[in-house]
Amino acid sequence: MTVRTNSLFLVLILCLFLKQGIAQTSMAMPIPAPPGLAAKSYLLIDYQTGKVIAEHNSGERLEPASLTKLMTAYLVSSEIKFRGLKPDAMVPVSHNAHKAIGSRTFLEPGSMVSVRDLMYGLIVQSGNDASIALAEHVGGSEEGFVSMMNQMAERLGMKDSNFTNSTGLPSPDHYTTARDMAVLARAVIRDHPNHYKLYSVKEFTYNEITQKNRNTLLLRDPTVDGIKTGHTESAGYCLVASAKRGDMRLISVLLGARNQQLRGTESLRALNYGFRFFETVKLASAEKKLGDVKVWGGAADSVSMAVAGDEFVTLPTGQSASIKREMHLSRDLVAPIVKGQELGMLKVMLEDELLTELPIVATQGMERGGFITRTMDTFKRFLD
């Protein structure tokens, strides 16, 4: 071979090597199996998409213990948001609330306590007395409030839950599942973001008694910002935890751990697994325009477009680089166009797999053009 031929041969070999290297770096990496956690039941989901990342017996009906108070707090927050209950409103403490067994805020019978303080007592201290006081105030009685709890559970899609009290004290017909608790946790974070901040409060003092939040992950991991613990002898140790790292938020639900240390350690193992091997990917944004599309017979030549709403997906880390987007637009749009009118579809592909199809809509309206414009465009359409 000549020197030139040898050089070309080496270049060819180098190109093939680089091509093979690029193909290898874009290859989807294997993901280890989810960790087996020491609990009766657990579930790990992506908050944004609801995607299940890991689970074990997540549909098994179990006692929720004080995780019940997530529903109690959710209903009180809804009363504040939709029915005008004031955080400064004073609530009478009944003897029924005062004598509640288990964890307490140490409310005095006959005293008046603000809704705000009761919510801190309920969420931070897990006070059964605070829970009953709020239930009686909102529902007229704890029994009336329990009826509201079960109605709300049905509305939220908690298909395997039933509540018989506002506290989570053991009862044969008081049960939930890890899956339902994840549904409720998503609703708490999504629907009442201001009240969700209470779940990260590390301690609360009432009646000169300071109690620490039992969610030890708040001290162990700064990305954990909630949400609620639970424990009874029969239920074991339970924890619904949520953490946000970057743009990704995960929710873990763990029911029936053997001790307090395990429920924290195992919950953190689940969260770490999800954050390491998965990512939340924003496929499309309603605020980002996709360009303009031709409109016939309008006051202008084209109208701007975007997807109808934000869309997210949960993928193994690194796969987002392989996402492809294809726009399929109507080629014969005629004015008038109304804002929000569907103009086509955006197909989102992961290699050869269709992830989703999203409607593309007009971001603005457009009126019909004048007679001359419409006439000329009718002729152009005929020739097009």
Protein backbone atom coordinates (compact mmCIF):
# COMPACT_ATOMS: atom_id res chain seq x y z
CA MET A 1 0.00 0.00 0.00
CA THR A 2 1.03 3.59 -0.60
CA VAL A 3 1.35 6.07 2.22
CA ARG A 4 -1.87 7.75 1.09
CA THR A 5 -3.73 4.43 1.00
CA ASN A 6 -2.48 3.55 4.47
CA SER A 7 -3.62 6.94 5.75
CA LEU A 8 -7.09 6.53 4.29
CA PHE A 9 -7.30 3.03 5.78
CA LEU A 10 -6.35 4.37 9.23
CA VAL A 11 -8.91 7.17 8.96
CA LEU A 12 -11.59 4.62 8.04
CA ILE A 13 -10.69 2.43 11.02
CA LEU A 14 -10.74 5.50 13.30
CA CYS A 15 -14.18 6.54 12.03
CA LEU A 16 -15.56 3.07 12.63
CA PHE A 17 -14.07 3.05 16.13
CA LEU A 18 -15.54 6.45 16.96
CA LYS A 19 -18.93 5.44 15.58
CA GLN A 20 -18.90 2.33 17.73
CA GLY A 21 -17.88 4.40 20.76
CA ILE A 22 -20.73 6.88 20.19
CA ALA A 23 -23.21 4.04 19.84
CA GLN A 24 -21.97 2.55 23.10
CA THR A 25 -22.21 5.83 25.02
CA SER A 26 -25.81 6.38 23.88
CA MET A 27 -26.80 2.83 24.84
CA ALA A 28 -29.36 2.62 27.64
CA MET A 29 -27.59 1.51 30.80
CA PRO A 30 -29.04 -1.42 32.77
CA ILE A 31 -30.90 -0.60 35.98
CA PRO A 32 -30.62 -2.72 39.12
CA ALA A 33 -33.72 -4.24 40.63
CA PRO A 34 -35.42 -2.05 43.25
CA PRO A 35 -34.18 -2.58 46.78
CA GLY A 36 -36.11 -5.02 48.92
CA LEU A 37 -37.24 -3.02 51.93
CA ALA A 38 -37.90 -4.37 55.41
CA ALA A 39 -41.60 -3.53 55.56
CA LYS A 40 -44.97 -5.17 55.00
CA SER A 41 -45.69 -2.88 52.06
CA TYR A 42 -44.02 -0.04 50.21
CA LEU A 43 -44.35 2.12 47.12
CA LEU A 44 -42.12 4.67 45.39
CA ILE A 45 -43.59 7.04 42.80
CA ASP A 46 -42.65 10.09 40.79
CA TYR A 47 -44.82 12.91 42.15
CA GLN A 48 -45.08 14.71 38.80
CA THR A 49 -46.17 11.73 36.70
CA GLY A 50 -47.47 9.21 39.23
CA LYS A 51 -45.14 6.64 37.68
CA VAL A 52 -44.51 3.67 39.98
CA ILE A 53 -40.76 3.15 40.32
CA ALA A 54 -40.76 0.43 42.97
CA GLU A 55 -43.40 -1.42 44.97
CA HIS A 56 -44.13 -4.41 47.14
CA ASN A 57 -47.64 -5.38 48.26
CA SER A 58 -48.72 -1.81 47.51
CA GLY A 59 -52.37 -2.88 47.18
CA GLU A 60 -52.54 -4.78 50.48
CA ARG A 61 -54.97 -3.31 53.01
CA LEU A 62 -53.13 -2.39 56.19
CA GLU A 63 -53.56 -0.12 59.20
CA PRO A 64 -52.37 3.43 58.46
CA ALA A 65 -51.92 4.50 62.10
CA SER A 66 -51.27 8.27 62.19
CA LEU A 67 -50.88 8.46 58.41
CA THR A 68 -54.65 8.89 58.77
CA LYS A 69 -53.92 12.47 59.81
CA LEU A 70 -52.89 13.25 56.22
CA MET A 71 -56.57 13.00 55.32
CA THR A 72 -57.60 14.95 58.42
CA ALA A 73 -55.20 17.76 57.52
CA TYR A 74 -56.19 17.65 53.85
CA LEU A 75 -59.84 18.19 54.73
CA VAL A 76 -59.06 21.06 57.11
CA SER A 77 -56.88 22.69 54.45
CA SER A 78 -59.75 22.30 51.98
CA GLU A 79 -62.13 23.96 54.46
CA ILE A 80 -59.75 26.90 54.68
CA LYS A 81 -59.36 27.12 50.90
CA PHE A 82 -62.94 26.58 49.77
CA ARG A 83 -65.25 27.34 52.69
CA GLY A 84 -63.51 30.27 54.30
CA LEU A 85 -62.38 28.65 57.55
CA LYS A 86 -59.96 31.15 59.08
CA PRO A 87 -56.61 29.98 60.46
CA ASP A 88 -57.18 32.40 63.36
CA ALA A 89 -60.61 30.93 64.14
CA MET A 90 -60.80 29.68 67.73
CA VAL A 91 -61.84 26.08 68.27
CA PRO A 92 -63.24 24.74 71.57
CA VAL A 93 -61.46 21.70 73.00
CA SER A 94 -64.01 19.11 74.07
CA HIS A 95 -63.54 16.54 76.82
CA ASN A 96 -63.62 13.93 74.05
CA ALA A 97 -60.62 15.54 72.39
CA HIS A 98 -58.79 16.09 75.69
CA LYS A 99 -59.02 12.45 76.77
CA ALA A 100 -57.66 11.08 73.48
CA ILE A 101 -55.04 8.41 74.07
CA GLY A 102 -51.72 8.14 72.26
CA SER A 103 -49.68 11.06 70.97
CA ARG A 104 -51.00 14.40 72.16
CA THR A 105 -50.61 18.17 71.88
CA PHE A 106 -51.72 18.46 75.53
CA LEU A 107 -54.79 20.59 74.95
CA GLU A 108 -56.71 21.73 78.02
CA PRO A 109 -60.41 20.79 78.12
CA GLY A 110 -62.68 23.78 77.63
CA SER A 111 -59.88 25.92 76.21
CA MET A 112 -60.03 27.73 72.88
CA VAL A 113 -57.24 27.01 70.42
CA SER A 114 -56.69 28.51 66.96
CA VAL A 115 -57.04 26.41 63.84
CA ARG A 116 -53.43 27.32 63.05
CA ASP A 117 -52.07 25.94 66.33
CA LEU A 118 -54.21 22.83 65.98
CA MET A 119 -52.79 22.21 62.51
CA TYR A 120 -49.25 22.45 63.89
CA GLY A 121 -50.25 20.09 66.68
CA LEU A 122 -51.83 17.71 64.19
CA ILE A 123 -49.01 17.65 61.62
CA VAL A 124 -45.82 18.27 63.61
CA GLN A 125 -46.72 16.63 66.94
CA SER A 126 -49.23 14.10 65.52
CA GLY A 127 -51.57 15.06 68.35
CA ASN A 128 -54.68 12.90 68.57
CA ASP A 129 -56.37 15.56 70.69
CA ALA A 130 -55.67 18.21 68.03
CA SER A 131 -57.02 15.87 65.37
CA ILE A 132 -60.29 15.27 67.21
CA ALA A 133 -60.73 18.96 68.03
CA LEU A 134 -60.38 19.87 64.36
CA ALA A 135 -62.64 17.02 63.27
CA GLU A 136 -65.39 18.09 65.65
CA HIS A 137 -65.12 21.71 64.54
CA VAL A 138 -65.20 20.98 60.80
CA GLY A 139 -67.59 18.02 60.79
CA GLY A 140 -69.82 18.91 63.74
CA SER A 141 -68.67 15.67 65.37
CA GLU A 142 -65.87 13.22 64.77
CA GLU A 143 -68.41 10.84 63.24
CA GLY A 144 -69.56 13.54 60.82
CA PHE A 145 -65.96 14.31 59.93
CA VAL A 146 -65.23 10.63 59.28
CA SER A 147 -68.06 10.63 56.74
CA MET A 148 -66.33 13.55 55.01
CA MET A 149 -63.01 11.65 55.08
CA ASN A 150 -64.49 8.67 53.27
CA GLN A 151 -66.26 10.87 50.73
CA MET A 152 -62.98 12.67 49.98
CA ALA A 153 -61.12 9.36 49.72
CA GLU A 154 -63.60 8.27 47.06
CA ARG A 155 -63.20 11.54 45.15
CA LEU A 156 -59.43 11.24 45.18
CA GLY A 157 -59.58 7.68 43.88
CA MET A 158 -58.46 5.96 47.09
CA LYS A 159 -60.29 2.75 46.23
CA ASP A 160 -58.99 0.56 49.06
CA SER A 161 -59.26 2.88 52.06
CA ASN A 162 -61.82 3.24 54.82
CA PHE A 163 -61.64 5.52 57.84
CA THR A 164 -63.47 5.14 61.14
CA ASN A 165 -61.73 7.92 63.07
CA SER A 166 -59.66 11.06 62.47
CA THR A 167 -56.58 9.93 64.38
CA GLY A 168 -55.55 6.51 63.12
CA LEU A 169 -56.13 4.65 66.37
CA PRO A 170 -56.66 0.92 65.68
CA SER A 171 -60.10 -0.17 64.49
CA PRO A 172 -61.07 -3.31 62.53
CA ASP A 173 -62.58 -1.33 59.65
CA HIS A 174 -59.89 1.36 59.53
CA TYR A 175 -57.48 0.57 56.70
CA THR A 176 -55.64 1.85 53.63
CA THR A 177 -52.93 0.77 51.18
CA ALA A 178 -49.54 2.13 50.22
CA ARG A 179 -51.01 2.95 46.82
CA ASP A 180 -53.84 4.99 48.32
CA MET A 181 -51.47 6.82 50.66
CA ALA A 182 -49.40 7.86 47.65
CA VAL A 183 -52.56 9.23 46.01
CA LEU A 184 -53.33 11.23 49.15
CA ALA A 185 -49.76 12.50 49.50
CA ARG A 186 -49.79 13.78 45.92
CA ALA A 187 -53.05 15.59 46.63
CA VAL A 188 -51.65 17.19 49.80
CA ILE A 189 -48.61 18.54 47.96
CA ARG A 190 -50.49 19.53 44.79
CA ASP A 191 -53.66 21.06 46.20
CA HIS A 192 -52.38 22.81 49.34
CA PRO A 193 -48.74 23.83 48.73
CA ASN A 194 -48.77 26.51 51.44
CA HIS A 195 -49.99 24.09 54.08
CA TYR A 196 -47.55 21.46 52.85
CA LYS A 197 -44.79 23.63 54.32
CA LEU A 198 -46.02 22.58 57.78
CA TYR A 199 -44.82 19.04 57.13
CA SER A 200 -41.18 20.20 57.14
CA VAL A 201 -41.44 21.98 60.53
CA LYS A 202 -39.04 20.16 62.85
CA GLU A 203 -40.64 21.02 66.21
CA PHE A 204 -43.60 22.81 67.75
CA THR A 205 -44.23 24.17 71.24
CA TYR A 206 -47.69 24.29 72.78
CA ASN A 207 -48.68 24.65 76.42
CA GLU A 208 -44.94 25.11 77.16
CA ILE A 209 -44.24 21.60 75.88
CA THR A 210 -41.92 21.26 72.87
CA GLN A 211 -42.23 18.15 70.73
CA LYS A 212 -40.10 17.22 67.75
CA ASN A 213 -41.40 16.02 64.40
CA ARG A 214 -41.14 12.22 64.35
CA ASN A 215 -40.02 12.24 60.71
CA THR A 216 -36.29 11.82 61.33
CA LEU A 217 -35.52 12.14 57.61
CA LEU A 218 -36.05 15.89 57.95
CA LEU A 219 -32.78 15.94 59.90
CA ARG A 220 -30.93 13.30 57.87
CA ASP A 221 -31.53 14.57 54.33
CA PRO A 222 -32.03 18.26 53.47
CA THR A 223 -33.95 17.34 50.31
CA VAL A 224 -36.70 15.67 52.36
CA ASP A 225 -39.46 18.18 53.13
CA GLY A 226 -42.25 15.94 54.47
CA ILE A 227 -44.55 14.33 55.13
CA LYS A 228 -45.97 12.10 57.96
CA THR A 229 -45.15 9.23 60.30
CA GLY A 230 -47.44 6.71 61.95
CA HIS A 231 -47.13 4.02 64.58
CA THR A 232 -49.24 1.66 66.63
CA GLU A 233 -48.37 -1.77 67.99
CA SER A 234 -50.58 -3.46 65.40
CA ALA A 235 -49.64 -1.25 62.43
CA GLY A 236 -45.92 -1.15 63.05
CA TYR A 237 -43.87 1.87 62.01
CA CYS A 238 -45.09 3.74 58.94
CA LEU A 239 -43.80 6.70 56.96
CA VAL A 240 -44.87 8.68 53.93
CA ALA A 241 -41.83 10.71 52.83
CA SER A 242 -41.20 13.14 50.02
CA ALA A 243 -37.99 14.67 48.72
CA LYS A 244 -37.15 17.06 45.90
CA ARG A 245 -33.79 17.04 44.17
CA GLY A 246 -33.46 19.43 41.27
CA ASP A 247 -36.67 19.33 39.25
CA MET A 248 -37.63 15.84 40.44
CA ARG A 249 -39.87 15.06 43.42
CA LEU A 250 -40.41 11.52 44.68
CA ILE A 251 -42.88 10.14 47.20
CA SER A 252 -42.20 6.97 49.16
CA VAL A 253 -44.77 5.11 51.27
CA LEU A 254 -43.64 2.49 53.76
CA LEU A 255 -46.05 0.53 55.96
CA GLY A 256 -45.28 -1.93 58.73
CA ALA A 257 -41.57 -1.55 59.49
CA ARG A 258 -40.32 -3.22 62.67
CA ASN A 259 -38.92 -0.12 64.35
CA GLN A 260 -38.48 3.63 64.03
CA GLN A 261 -34.92 3.43 62.70
CA LEU A 262 -35.88 1.01 59.93
CA ARG A 263 -38.77 3.08 58.65
CA GLY A 264 -36.41 6.01 58.13
CA THR A 265 -33.49 4.03 56.73
CA GLU A 266 -35.61 1.97 54.35
CA SER A 267 -37.57 4.99 53.13
CA LEU A 268 -34.30 6.80 52.36
CA ARG A 269 -33.01 3.75 50.49
CA ALA A 270 -36.07 3.86 48.28
CA LEU A 271 -35.72 7.59 47.61
CA ASN A 272 -32.01 7.31 46.81
CA TYR A 273 -32.71 4.47 44.37
CA GLY A 274 -35.33 6.51 42.53
CA PHE A 275 -33.23 9.65 42.26
CA ARG A 276 -30.15 7.77 41.09
CA PHE A 277 -31.67 5.64 38.37
CA PHE A 278 -34.64 7.71 37.12
CA GLU A 279 -35.40 11.24 36.03
CA THR A 280 -38.49 13.35 35.41
CA VAL A 281 -38.45 14.66 31.85
CA LYS A 282 -40.59 17.54 30.64
CA LEU A 283 -41.74 16.50 27.19
CA ALA A 284 -43.54 19.70 26.27
CA SER A 285 -44.52 23.04 27.76
CA ALA A 286 -47.72 24.96 27.13
CA GLU A 287 -45.76 28.19 27.54
CA LYS A 288 -43.28 27.40 24.75
CA LYS A 289 -44.45 28.24 21.24
CA LEU A 290 -43.78 25.62 18.59
CA GLY A 291 -43.83 28.11 15.73
CA ASP A 292 -46.52 29.28 13.29
CA VAL A 293 -48.88 27.42 11.00
CA LYS A 294 -50.42 28.64 7.73
CA VAL A 295 -54.05 29.79 7.87
CA TRP A 296 -56.13 30.47 4.73
CA GLY A 297 -58.48 33.41 4.46
CA GLY A 298 -57.43 35.03 7.70
CA ALA A 299 -56.57 38.52 8.84
CA ALA A 300 -52.96 37.27 8.99
CA ASP A 301 -51.04 34.58 7.14
CA SER A 302 -50.40 32.32 10.14
CA VAL A 303 -51.19 31.66 13.77
CA SER A 304 -48.81 30.67 16.57
CA MET A 305 -49.17 27.28 18.22
CA ALA A 306 -48.20 25.32 21.33
CA VAL A 307 -49.17 22.11 23.09
CA ALA A 308 -52.37 22.22 25.11
CA GLY A 309 -50.63 21.56 28.45
CA ASP A 310 -47.38 20.62 30.13
CA GLU A 311 -46.47 16.96 29.82
CA PHE A 312 -43.96 14.96 31.87
CA VAL A 313 -42.65 11.41 31.77
CA THR A 314 -40.46 9.33 34.09
CA LEU A 315 -37.53 7.65 32.35
CA PRO A 316 -34.37 5.78 33.33
CA THR A 317 -31.57 8.27 33.74
CA GLY A 318 -29.89 9.12 30.44
CA GLN A 319 -32.67 8.03 28.09
CA SER A 320 -34.00 11.56 27.57
CA ALA A 321 -31.27 12.12 24.97
CA SER A 322 -33.05 9.62 22.71
CA ILE A 323 -36.40 11.43 22.72
CA LYS A 324 -37.69 12.61 19.33
CA ARG A 325 -40.62 14.92 18.61
CA GLU A 326 -42.67 14.98 15.41
CA MET A 327 -45.32 17.58 14.56
CA HIS A 328 -48.29 16.54 12.42
CA LEU A 329 -50.27 19.65 11.46
CA SER A 330 -53.42 20.22 9.47
CA ARG A 331 -52.52 21.53 6.03
CA ASP A 332 -55.85 23.16 5.35
CA LEU A 333 -56.69 25.52 8.19
CA VAL A 334 -59.28 28.16 7.32
CA ALA A 335 -60.11 31.29 9.34
CA PRO A 336 -61.70 32.02 11.70
CA ILE A 337 -59.46 30.32 14.26
CA VAL A 338 -60.32 30.42 17.96
CA LYS A 339 -57.77 30.36 20.75
CA GLY A 340 -57.26 26.79 21.93
CA GLN A 341 -58.48 25.26 18.66
CA GLU A 342 -56.72 22.00 17.84
CA LEU A 343 -54.33 22.37 14.90
CA GLY A 344 -52.57 19.01 14.92
CA MET A 345 -50.68 16.56 17.12
CA LEU A 346 -47.19 16.34 18.58
CA LYS A 347 -45.86 12.78 18.66
CA VAL A 348 -43.16 12.12 21.23
CA MET A 349 -41.03 9.04 20.56
CA LEU A 350 -38.36 7.24 22.57
CA GLU A 351 -36.46 5.52 19.78
CA ASP A 352 -39.25 3.42 18.18
CA GLU A 353 -41.65 3.62 21.14
CA LEU A 354 -44.49 6.13 21.16
CA LEU A 355 -44.46 7.84 24.56
CA THR A 356 -47.44 10.11 24.01
CA GLU A 357 -49.42 12.19 21.55
CA LEU A 358 -50.20 15.77 22.55
CA PRO A 359 -52.74 18.10 20.94
CA ILE A 360 -51.25 21.20 19.33
CA VAL A 361 -53.52 24.23 19.74
CA ALA A 362 -53.67 27.84 18.62
CA THR A 363 -52.25 30.24 21.22
CA GLN A 364 -54.38 33.07 19.83
CA GLY A 365 -57.51 33.60 17.81
CA MET A 366 -57.68 34.89 14.24
CA GLU A 367 -60.61 36.55 12.50
CA ARG A 368 -61.50 36.11 8.85
CA GLY A 369 -59.73 38.37 6.40
CA GLY A 370 -61.37 40.79 4.00
CA PHE A 371 -63.22 39.75 0.83
CA ILE A 372 -60.18 40.16 -1.43
CA THR A 373 -57.93 38.16 0.91
CA ARG A 374 -60.45 35.34 1.18
CA THR A 375 -60.97 35.26 -2.60
CA MET A 376 -57.25 35.14 -3.35
CA ASP A 377 -56.65 32.47 -0.74
CA THR A 378 -59.50 30.36 -2.12
CA PHE A 379 -57.79 30.46 -5.52
CA LYS A 380 -54.40 29.62 -3.98
CA ARG A 381 -55.88 26.69 -2.06
CA PHE A 382 -57.32 25.32 -5.28
CA LEU A 383 -53.87 25.45 -6.91
CA ASP A 384 -51.98 24.21 -3.87
